[in-house]
Amino acid sequence: MKNPNRIRYTKYILLQRMGWIFAALTVVVSIEYRTWFGVLWIALFLFFSWRCRIRAKMARCGLAGEEQTQSLLEGLPKGYTVLNNVELEVGGRRSEIDLLVVSESGLFVVEVKNHSGRIFGRKGQNTWRQDKRQETKYMKNPLHQLEREMRLLRQTLASFGVAAPIRGCVFFSNARAIDVDSGAVLTNGKALLARIQSFSEPVLRKSEIRKIVRILR
């Protein structure tokens, strides 16, 4: 399954290079015809390239976090199936699960965030704060995103006549520290594996697990 972050990264890298090419061609044309009118277009193309570079960097960062976390989850014992980039659509509402673990104890959604620095947030807030060394950024509350993904996943399975326990967490793969009032937010890989394996009571048969995997792949 293709990773959307990889697709976005490739797209923005190509657009960035196109911006450079158009800027260079505009320089050549401006010199050839001895006009300064092209300076504006050169500036616009360079600004476009710069914006694409920023977006490519963001996509690459997200991709790295997801791939590292997937590698971590694939270290789970036999009986755990890891799915990545599970696309959901119910009644025109769309979402995408970064990583999903399926086992006889149910399903576990992992929403991956590759944010660095210190993360501050509360369950009821719409935005959380990210403090880095020289800047402060804000993000949408990832717990709300997790809840939406779990809700759409539950509805998707129900449409196929499947009912299964669904749990989840937000995993900050690169954060230095977090100040969050929720046990569903983790930063430590060992804690993530332990959390998933803490639900050990078997509730799904192997045939049900195979059906769920077929539906979501």
Protein backbone atom coordinates (compact mmCIF):
# COMPACT_ATOMS: atom_id res chain seq x y z
CA MET A 1 0.00 0.00 0.00
CA LYS A 2 1.49 3.34 -1.07
CA ASN A 3 2.30 5.75 1.72
CA PRO A 4 0.57 9.15 1.15
CA ASN A 5 3.49 10.96 2.77
CA ARG A 6 5.87 9.37 0.25
CA ILE A 7 3.56 10.40 -2.59
CA ARG A 8 3.37 13.96 -1.25
CA TYR A 9 7.14 14.11 -0.78
CA THR A 10 7.77 12.99 -4.37
CA LYS A 11 5.20 15.44 -5.71
CA TYR A 12 6.62 18.46 -3.89
CA ILE A 13 10.21 17.58 -4.83
CA LEU A 14 9.16 17.49 -8.51
CA LEU A 15 7.28 20.78 -8.18
CA GLN A 16 10.27 22.36 -6.44
CA ARG A 17 12.56 21.36 -9.31
CA MET A 18 10.06 22.63 -11.87
CA GLY A 19 10.06 25.98 -10.08
CA TRP A 20 13.86 26.12 -10.32
CA ILE A 21 13.75 25.26 -14.02
CA PHE A 22 11.16 27.94 -14.82
CA ALA A 23 13.14 30.48 -12.81
CA ALA A 24 16.31 29.62 -14.73
CA LEU A 25 14.50 29.83 -18.09
CA THR A 26 13.06 33.19 -17.12
CA VAL A 27 16.57 34.46 -16.32
CA VAL A 28 17.77 33.36 -19.77
CA VAL A 29 14.83 35.02 -21.52
CA SER A 30 15.24 38.22 -19.51
CA ILE A 31 18.92 38.44 -20.45
CA GLU A 32 18.23 37.58 -24.08
CA TYR A 33 15.62 40.31 -24.47
CA ARG A 34 17.31 42.70 -22.04
CA THR A 35 14.21 43.21 -19.93
CA TRP A 36 13.77 43.38 -16.19
CA PHE A 37 10.11 42.46 -16.35
CA GLY A 38 11.06 38.83 -15.76
CA VAL A 39 12.43 39.64 -12.30
CA LEU A 40 8.91 39.42 -10.87
CA TRP A 41 8.38 36.00 -12.43
CA ILE A 42 11.76 34.80 -11.20
CA ALA A 43 10.84 35.86 -7.66
CA LEU A 44 7.47 34.08 -7.93
CA PHE A 45 9.04 30.86 -9.22
CA LEU A 46 11.67 30.91 -6.47
CA PHE A 47 9.00 31.54 -3.81
CA PHE A 48 6.97 28.64 -5.23
CA SER A 49 10.04 26.38 -5.06
CA TRP A 50 10.71 27.43 -1.48
CA ARG A 51 7.13 26.61 -0.44
CA CYS A 52 7.35 23.21 -2.12
CA ARG A 53 10.63 22.55 -0.31
CA ILE A 54 8.95 23.25 3.05
CA ARG A 55 6.05 20.92 2.22
CA ALA A 56 8.42 18.21 1.03
CA LYS A 57 10.34 18.46 4.29
CA MET A 58 7.10 18.06 6.28
CA ALA A 59 6.07 15.02 4.23
CA ARG A 60 9.53 13.46 4.66
CA CYS A 61 9.36 14.01 8.41
CA GLY A 62 5.94 12.33 8.62
CA LEU A 63 7.13 9.47 6.44
CA ALA A 64 10.17 8.87 8.64
CA GLY A 65 8.04 8.73 11.78
CA GLU A 66 5.58 6.26 10.28
CA GLU A 67 8.29 3.98 8.90
CA GLN A 68 10.20 3.91 12.19
CA THR A 69 7.02 3.14 14.13
CA GLN A 70 5.99 0.44 11.67
CA SER A 71 9.37 -1.20 12.05
CA LEU A 72 8.89 -1.09 15.82
CA LEU A 73 5.42 -2.68 15.62
CA GLU A 74 6.62 -5.44 13.33
CA GLY A 75 8.65 -6.62 16.31
CA LEU A 76 5.44 -7.72 18.02
CA PRO A 77 5.08 -11.47 18.60
CA LYS A 78 3.49 -13.82 16.12
CA GLY A 79 -0.27 -13.33 15.92
CA TYR A 80 -0.15 -9.56 15.50
CA THR A 81 -0.76 -8.19 12.01
CA VAL A 82 0.36 -4.64 11.23
CA LEU A 83 -1.43 -2.65 8.51
CA ASN A 84 -0.27 0.76 7.33
CA ASN A 85 -2.13 3.68 5.78
CA VAL A 86 -5.62 2.23 6.10
CA GLU A 87 -8.03 4.46 4.17
CA LEU A 88 -11.57 4.82 5.51
CA GLU A 89 -14.65 6.43 3.99
CA VAL A 90 -18.11 6.34 5.53
CA GLY A 91 -20.97 8.55 4.35
CA GLY A 92 -18.62 10.95 2.57
CA ARG A 93 -16.38 11.29 5.63
CA ARG A 94 -12.80 10.25 5.03
CA SER A 95 -9.86 9.48 7.24
CA GLU A 96 -6.66 7.51 7.18
CA ILE A 97 -5.11 5.38 9.90
CA ASP A 98 -1.30 5.56 10.00
CA LEU A 99 -0.83 2.12 11.55
CA LEU A 100 -3.30 -0.51 12.68
CA VAL A 101 -2.51 -3.65 14.69
CA VAL A 102 -4.94 -6.56 14.39
CA SER A 103 -4.83 -9.48 16.82
CA GLU A 104 -7.12 -11.92 18.59
CA SER A 105 -7.64 -9.30 21.32
CA GLY A 106 -9.03 -6.74 18.87
CA LEU A 107 -7.74 -3.76 16.89
CA PHE A 108 -5.31 -1.08 18.00
CA VAL A 109 -5.02 2.22 16.11
CA VAL A 110 -1.68 4.06 16.23
CA GLU A 111 -1.75 7.70 15.12
CA VAL A 112 1.89 8.67 14.54
CA LYS A 113 3.22 12.20 15.03
CA ASN A 114 6.89 12.87 14.29
CA HIS A 115 7.00 16.20 16.17
CA SER A 116 10.12 17.17 18.07
CA GLY A 117 10.54 19.33 21.17
CA ARG A 118 8.05 19.45 24.04
CA ILE A 119 4.35 18.85 23.49
CA PHE A 120 1.70 20.51 25.66
CA GLY A 121 -2.03 19.80 25.45
CA ARG A 122 -5.24 18.81 27.16
CA LYS A 123 -7.96 16.42 26.01
CA GLY A 124 -10.60 19.13 25.66
CA GLN A 125 -8.44 21.61 23.74
CA ASN A 126 -8.74 22.04 19.97
CA THR A 127 -5.05 22.87 19.56
CA TRP A 128 -1.86 21.70 21.24
CA ARG A 129 1.47 23.49 21.52
CA GLN A 130 4.87 22.32 20.33
CA ASP A 131 7.83 24.10 21.89
CA LYS A 132 11.10 23.74 20.01
CA ARG A 133 14.39 25.41 20.81
CA GLN A 134 13.80 28.56 18.79
CA GLU A 135 10.14 28.49 17.90
CA THR A 136 6.65 27.56 19.03
CA LYS A 137 4.16 25.83 16.76
CA TYR A 138 0.58 24.66 17.16
CA MET A 139 -1.20 21.55 15.94
CA LYS A 140 -4.73 20.22 15.94
CA ASN A 141 -5.52 18.04 18.94
CA PRO A 142 -4.39 14.56 17.74
CA LEU A 143 -6.71 12.84 20.22
CA HIS A 144 -9.68 14.22 18.28
CA GLN A 145 -8.17 12.81 15.11
CA LEU A 146 -7.67 9.44 16.82
CA GLU A 147 -11.28 9.39 18.01
CA ARG A 148 -12.52 10.15 14.49
CA GLU A 149 -10.42 7.36 13.00
CA MET A 150 -11.64 4.85 15.57
CA ARG A 151 -15.25 5.88 14.98
CA LEU A 152 -14.97 5.51 11.19
CA LEU A 153 -13.15 2.19 11.61
CA ARG A 154 -15.94 0.89 13.84
CA GLN A 155 -18.57 2.00 11.29
CA THR A 156 -16.62 0.47 8.41
CA LEU A 157 -16.41 -2.91 10.10
CA ALA A 158 -20.08 -2.73 11.14
CA SER A 159 -21.06 -2.30 7.49
CA PHE A 160 -19.52 -5.75 6.89
CA GLY A 161 -21.21 -7.24 9.94
CA VAL A 162 -18.02 -7.27 12.00
CA ALA A 163 -17.81 -6.15 15.63
CA ALA A 164 -14.47 -6.01 17.44
CA PRO A 165 -12.88 -4.09 20.31
CA ILE A 166 -11.05 -1.01 19.00
CA ARG A 167 -8.47 0.81 21.07
CA GLY A 168 -5.78 3.29 20.14
CA CYS A 169 -3.18 5.86 21.03
CA VAL A 170 -1.25 8.83 19.69
CA PHE A 171 2.45 8.06 19.42
CA PHE A 172 4.93 10.94 19.29
CA SER A 173 7.93 9.18 17.81
CA ASN A 174 10.37 12.08 18.15
CA ALA A 175 9.15 14.27 21.03
CA ARG A 176 11.58 15.16 23.82
CA ALA A 177 8.81 15.32 26.44
CA ILE A 178 5.03 15.62 26.71
CA ASP A 179 2.70 17.36 29.13
CA VAL A 180 -0.66 15.83 28.30
CA ASP A 181 -3.54 14.71 30.53
CA SER A 182 -4.16 11.44 28.69
CA GLY A 183 -2.67 7.97 29.00
CA ALA A 184 -3.48 7.48 25.31
CA VAL A 185 -0.50 9.65 24.34
CA LEU A 186 2.89 7.92 24.30
CA THR A 187 6.47 8.75 23.34
CA ASN A 188 8.32 5.58 24.27
CA GLY A 189 8.49 2.63 21.88
CA LYS A 190 8.65 0.02 24.63
CA ALA A 191 5.61 1.60 26.30
CA LEU A 192 3.74 1.44 22.99
CA LEU A 193 4.46 -2.28 22.56
CA ALA A 194 3.54 -2.96 26.18
CA ARG A 195 0.27 -1.03 25.79
CA ILE A 196 -0.75 -3.06 22.76
CA GLN A 197 0.14 -6.38 24.39
CA SER A 198 -1.59 -5.47 27.64
CA PHE A 199 -4.89 -6.35 25.94
CA SER A 200 -4.40 -10.09 25.81
CA GLU A 201 -7.87 -11.57 26.27
CA PRO A 202 -8.79 -13.39 23.02
CA VAL A 203 -12.09 -12.18 21.55
CA LEU A 204 -11.59 -12.80 17.83
CA ARG A 205 -11.26 -16.09 15.99
CA LYS A 206 -8.60 -16.52 13.30
CA SER A 207 -11.28 -16.51 10.62
CA GLU A 208 -12.56 -13.15 11.93
CA ILE A 209 -9.04 -11.72 11.93
CA ARG A 210 -8.54 -12.80 8.30
CA LYS A 211 -11.84 -11.19 7.34
CA ILE A 212 -10.92 -7.90 9.03
CA VAL A 213 -7.53 -7.83 7.28
CA ARG A 214 -9.20 -8.49 3.89
CA ILE A 215 -11.68 -5.66 4.47
CA LEU A 216 -9.07 -3.10 5.43
CA ARG A 217 -6.33 -3.93 2.93
